[in-house]
Amino acid sequence: MTSATITSKGQITIPAQVREAMHLSAGDRIEFIEVEPGRYEFIASTRSVTEPKGMFGKTAKIVSIEEMNSAIATRGAAAR
């Protein structure tokens, strides 16, 4: 098991073995995700926003920008 110590400023050093496995380097960002109360996982947030493209297959319905804007305006008006 790999471990780290928290400093008085609340910082930790991610062990080299973990950084290498996650392909992390200086300046990369990570996100902490609560998976259940008191338990967190962290993931590298260094991926491109387009990387998940195609993850869910093709869309069943193609929506135009105008339809999206109309839906946003309708929901925004309903929220007031």
N, C-alpha and C. Protein backbone atom coordinates (compact mmCIF):
# COMPACT_ATOMS: atom_id res chain seq x y z
N MET A 1 0.85 -1.18 0.00
CA MET A 1 0.00 0.00 0.00
C MET A 1 0.89 1.24 0.00
N THR A 2 0.52 2.22 -0.78
CA THR A 2 1.25 3.47 -0.85
C THR A 2 0.56 4.50 0.03
N SER A 3 1.33 5.30 0.75
CA SER A 3 0.73 6.29 1.65
C SER A 3 1.46 7.62 1.52
N ALA A 4 0.85 8.66 2.09
CA ALA A 4 1.42 10.00 2.11
C ALA A 4 1.04 10.66 3.43
N THR A 5 1.75 11.71 3.79
CA THR A 5 1.50 12.43 5.04
C THR A 5 0.97 13.82 4.71
N ILE A 6 -0.01 14.29 5.46
CA ILE A 6 -0.57 15.62 5.27
C ILE A 6 0.27 16.62 6.05
N THR A 7 0.65 17.73 5.39
CA THR A 7 1.43 18.77 6.07
C THR A 7 0.51 19.66 6.90
N SER A 8 1.10 20.56 7.66
CA SER A 8 0.31 21.49 8.48
C SER A 8 -0.53 22.43 7.61
N LYS A 9 -0.16 22.58 6.34
CA LYS A 9 -0.92 23.41 5.41
C LYS A 9 -1.97 22.61 4.65
N GLY A 10 -2.13 21.33 4.99
CA GLY A 10 -3.13 20.50 4.33
C GLY A 10 -2.69 19.95 2.98
N GLN A 11 -1.40 19.96 2.72
CA GLN A 11 -0.88 19.48 1.44
C GLN A 11 -0.34 18.06 1.58
N ILE A 12 -0.35 17.34 0.46
CA ILE A 12 0.26 16.02 0.43
C ILE A 12 1.13 15.93 -0.81
N THR A 13 2.10 15.05 -0.77
CA THR A 13 2.89 14.74 -1.95
C THR A 13 2.40 13.39 -2.45
N ILE A 14 1.96 13.35 -3.70
CA ILE A 14 1.51 12.09 -4.28
C ILE A 14 2.75 11.27 -4.60
N PRO A 15 2.83 10.07 -4.07
CA PRO A 15 4.02 9.25 -4.29
C PRO A 15 4.32 9.06 -5.79
N ALA A 16 5.61 8.97 -6.11
CA ALA A 16 6.06 8.86 -7.50
C ALA A 16 5.38 7.70 -8.22
N GLN A 17 5.24 6.57 -7.56
CA GLN A 17 4.62 5.39 -8.18
C GLN A 17 3.19 5.70 -8.63
N VAL A 18 2.45 6.44 -7.81
CA VAL A 18 1.07 6.80 -8.14
C VAL A 18 1.05 7.83 -9.27
N ARG A 19 1.93 8.84 -9.21
CA ARG A 19 2.00 9.85 -10.28
C ARG A 19 2.30 9.21 -11.61
N GLU A 20 3.24 8.26 -11.62
CA GLU A 20 3.60 7.59 -12.87
C GLU A 20 2.42 6.77 -13.40
N ALA A 21 1.75 6.04 -12.53
CA ALA A 21 0.62 5.21 -12.95
C ALA A 21 -0.52 6.05 -13.51
N MET A 22 -0.70 7.27 -12.96
CA MET A 22 -1.79 8.14 -13.40
C MET A 22 -1.34 9.14 -14.47
N HIS A 23 -0.08 9.06 -14.86
CA HIS A 23 0.50 9.98 -15.87
C HIS A 23 0.35 11.44 -15.44
N LEU A 24 0.66 11.72 -14.18
CA LEU A 24 0.57 13.08 -13.63
C LEU A 24 1.95 13.71 -13.61
N SER A 25 1.97 15.02 -13.79
CA SER A 25 3.22 15.77 -13.66
C SER A 25 2.91 17.11 -13.02
N ALA A 26 3.95 17.86 -12.70
CA ALA A 26 3.80 19.16 -12.03
C ALA A 26 2.83 20.04 -12.79
N GLY A 27 1.90 20.65 -12.08
CA GLY A 27 0.94 21.57 -12.68
C GLY A 27 -0.36 20.90 -13.10
N ASP A 28 -0.41 19.56 -13.14
CA ASP A 28 -1.65 18.87 -13.48
C ASP A 28 -2.65 19.06 -12.35
N ARG A 29 -3.92 18.99 -12.72
CA ARG A 29 -4.99 19.12 -11.73
C ARG A 29 -5.59 17.75 -11.46
N ILE A 30 -6.10 17.59 -10.24
CA ILE A 30 -6.82 16.37 -9.90
C ILE A 30 -8.14 16.77 -9.26
N GLU A 31 -9.11 15.89 -9.34
CA GLU A 31 -10.41 16.13 -8.74
C GLU A 31 -10.68 15.06 -7.70
N PHE A 32 -11.28 15.45 -6.59
CA PHE A 32 -11.64 14.52 -5.54
C PHE A 32 -13.14 14.26 -5.64
N ILE A 33 -13.52 13.00 -5.70
CA ILE A 33 -14.91 12.62 -5.87
C ILE A 33 -15.33 11.76 -4.69
N GLU A 34 -16.40 12.18 -4.00
CA GLU A 34 -16.89 11.40 -2.87
C GLU A 34 -17.68 10.22 -3.40
N VAL A 35 -17.22 9.01 -3.12
CA VAL A 35 -17.89 7.80 -3.60
C VAL A 35 -18.86 7.24 -2.57
N GLU A 36 -18.65 7.58 -1.33
CA GLU A 36 -19.56 7.28 -0.23
C GLU A 36 -19.10 8.14 0.94
N PRO A 37 -19.94 8.34 1.95
CA PRO A 37 -19.54 9.22 3.06
C PRO A 37 -18.20 8.80 3.66
N GLY A 38 -17.28 9.75 3.69
CA GLY A 38 -15.96 9.50 4.27
C GLY A 38 -14.98 8.79 3.35
N ARG A 39 -15.38 8.50 2.11
CA ARG A 39 -14.48 7.82 1.17
C ARG A 39 -14.43 8.61 -0.13
N TYR A 40 -13.21 8.94 -0.56
CA TYR A 40 -13.02 9.72 -1.77
C TYR A 40 -12.07 9.00 -2.73
N GLU A 41 -12.25 9.26 -3.99
CA GLU A 41 -11.31 8.83 -5.02
C GLU A 41 -10.82 10.10 -5.69
N PHE A 42 -9.62 10.05 -6.23
CA PHE A 42 -9.19 11.21 -6.99
C PHE A 42 -8.82 10.77 -8.39
N ILE A 43 -9.15 11.66 -9.34
CA ILE A 43 -8.88 11.38 -10.74
C ILE A 43 -8.12 12.55 -11.34
N ALA A 44 -7.33 12.26 -12.34
CA ALA A 44 -6.62 13.31 -13.05
C ALA A 44 -7.61 14.06 -13.91
N SER A 45 -7.60 15.37 -13.84
CA SER A 45 -8.48 16.17 -14.70
C SER A 45 -7.64 16.83 -15.79
N THR A 46 -6.74 16.05 -16.35
CA THR A 46 -5.84 16.57 -17.38
C THR A 46 -6.28 16.16 -18.78
N ARG A 47 -7.35 15.40 -18.87
CA ARG A 47 -7.82 14.94 -20.18
C ARG A 47 -8.50 16.07 -20.94
N SER A 48 -8.50 15.94 -22.24
CA SER A 48 -9.18 16.91 -23.09
C SER A 48 -10.69 16.75 -22.90
N VAL A 49 -11.42 17.85 -23.02
CA VAL A 49 -12.87 17.78 -22.88
C VAL A 49 -13.51 16.98 -24.01
N THR A 50 -12.80 16.78 -25.10
CA THR A 50 -13.35 16.02 -26.22
C THR A 50 -13.07 14.52 -26.10
N GLU A 51 -12.27 14.12 -25.13
CA GLU A 51 -11.90 12.71 -25.00
C GLU A 51 -13.10 11.78 -24.82
N PRO A 52 -14.14 12.17 -24.05
CA PRO A 52 -15.28 11.26 -23.90
C PRO A 52 -16.17 11.16 -25.15
N LYS A 53 -15.86 11.91 -26.21
CA LYS A 53 -16.68 11.92 -27.42
C LYS A 53 -16.90 10.49 -27.91
N GLY A 54 -18.16 10.16 -28.15
CA GLY A 54 -18.51 8.84 -28.63
C GLY A 54 -18.71 7.80 -27.54
N MET A 55 -18.50 8.18 -26.30
CA MET A 55 -18.60 7.24 -25.20
C MET A 55 -20.00 6.63 -25.08
N PHE A 56 -21.02 7.40 -25.41
CA PHE A 56 -22.39 6.95 -25.24
C PHE A 56 -23.07 6.57 -26.55
N GLY A 57 -22.32 6.44 -27.61
CA GLY A 57 -22.89 6.07 -28.90
C GLY A 57 -23.52 7.27 -29.60
N LYS A 58 -24.18 6.98 -30.69
CA LYS A 58 -24.82 8.06 -31.46
C LYS A 58 -26.11 8.50 -30.77
N THR A 59 -26.42 9.78 -30.95
CA THR A 59 -27.64 10.32 -30.35
C THR A 59 -28.86 9.83 -31.11
N ALA A 60 -29.96 9.66 -30.39
CA ALA A 60 -31.20 9.20 -31.01
C ALA A 60 -31.87 10.34 -31.78
N LYS A 61 -31.66 11.57 -31.31
CA LYS A 61 -32.31 12.71 -31.93
C LYS A 61 -31.29 13.84 -32.05
N ILE A 62 -31.22 14.43 -33.22
CA ILE A 62 -30.33 15.56 -33.42
C ILE A 62 -31.11 16.83 -33.11
N VAL A 63 -30.51 17.69 -32.30
CA VAL A 63 -31.16 18.92 -31.87
C VAL A 63 -30.37 20.10 -32.40
N SER A 64 -31.08 21.08 -32.96
CA SER A 64 -30.41 22.27 -33.50
C SER A 64 -30.06 23.23 -32.37
N ILE A 65 -29.19 24.17 -32.68
CA ILE A 65 -28.82 25.21 -31.71
C ILE A 65 -30.05 26.01 -31.32
N GLU A 66 -30.91 26.29 -32.27
CA GLU A 66 -32.12 27.06 -31.99
C GLU A 66 -33.02 26.31 -31.00
N GLU A 67 -33.15 24.98 -31.18
CA GLU A 67 -33.95 24.19 -30.25
C GLU A 67 -33.34 24.17 -28.86
N MET A 68 -32.01 24.09 -28.80
CA MET A 68 -31.32 24.12 -27.50
C MET A 68 -31.56 25.46 -26.81
N ASN A 69 -31.39 26.55 -27.55
CA ASN A 69 -31.59 27.88 -26.97
C ASN A 69 -33.02 28.07 -26.49
N SER A 70 -33.98 27.56 -27.26
CA SER A 70 -35.39 27.65 -26.86
C SER A 70 -35.65 26.88 -25.58
N ALA A 71 -35.09 25.67 -25.47
CA ALA A 71 -35.28 24.86 -24.27
C ALA A 71 -34.65 25.54 -23.06
N ILE A 72 -33.47 26.12 -23.24
CA ILE A 72 -32.80 26.83 -22.14
C ILE A 72 -33.62 28.03 -21.70
N ALA A 73 -34.15 28.80 -22.68
CA ALA A 73 -34.96 29.97 -22.34
C ALA A 73 -36.23 29.57 -21.62
N THR A 74 -36.87 28.49 -22.07
CA THR A 74 -38.10 28.03 -21.44
C THR A 74 -37.85 27.58 -20.00
N ARG A 75 -36.81 26.80 -19.79
CA ARG A 75 -36.48 26.33 -18.43
C ARG A 75 -36.07 27.51 -17.54
N GLY A 76 -35.33 28.47 -18.11
CA GLY A 76 -34.90 29.64 -17.33
C GLY A 76 -36.10 30.46 -16.90
N ALA A 77 -37.06 30.64 -17.81
CA ALA A 77 -38.26 31.41 -17.47
C ALA A 77 -39.09 30.69 -16.42
N ALA A 78 -39.14 29.37 -16.50
CA ALA A 78 -39.94 28.58 -15.54
C ALA A 78 -39.31 28.60 -14.14
N ALA A 79 -38.03 28.80 -14.06
CA ALA A 79 -37.32 28.80 -12.78
C ALA A 79 -37.52 30.09 -11.99
N ARG A 80 -37.97 31.11 -12.66
CA ARG A 80 -38.15 32.40 -11.98
C ARG A 80 -39.38 32.47 -11.18
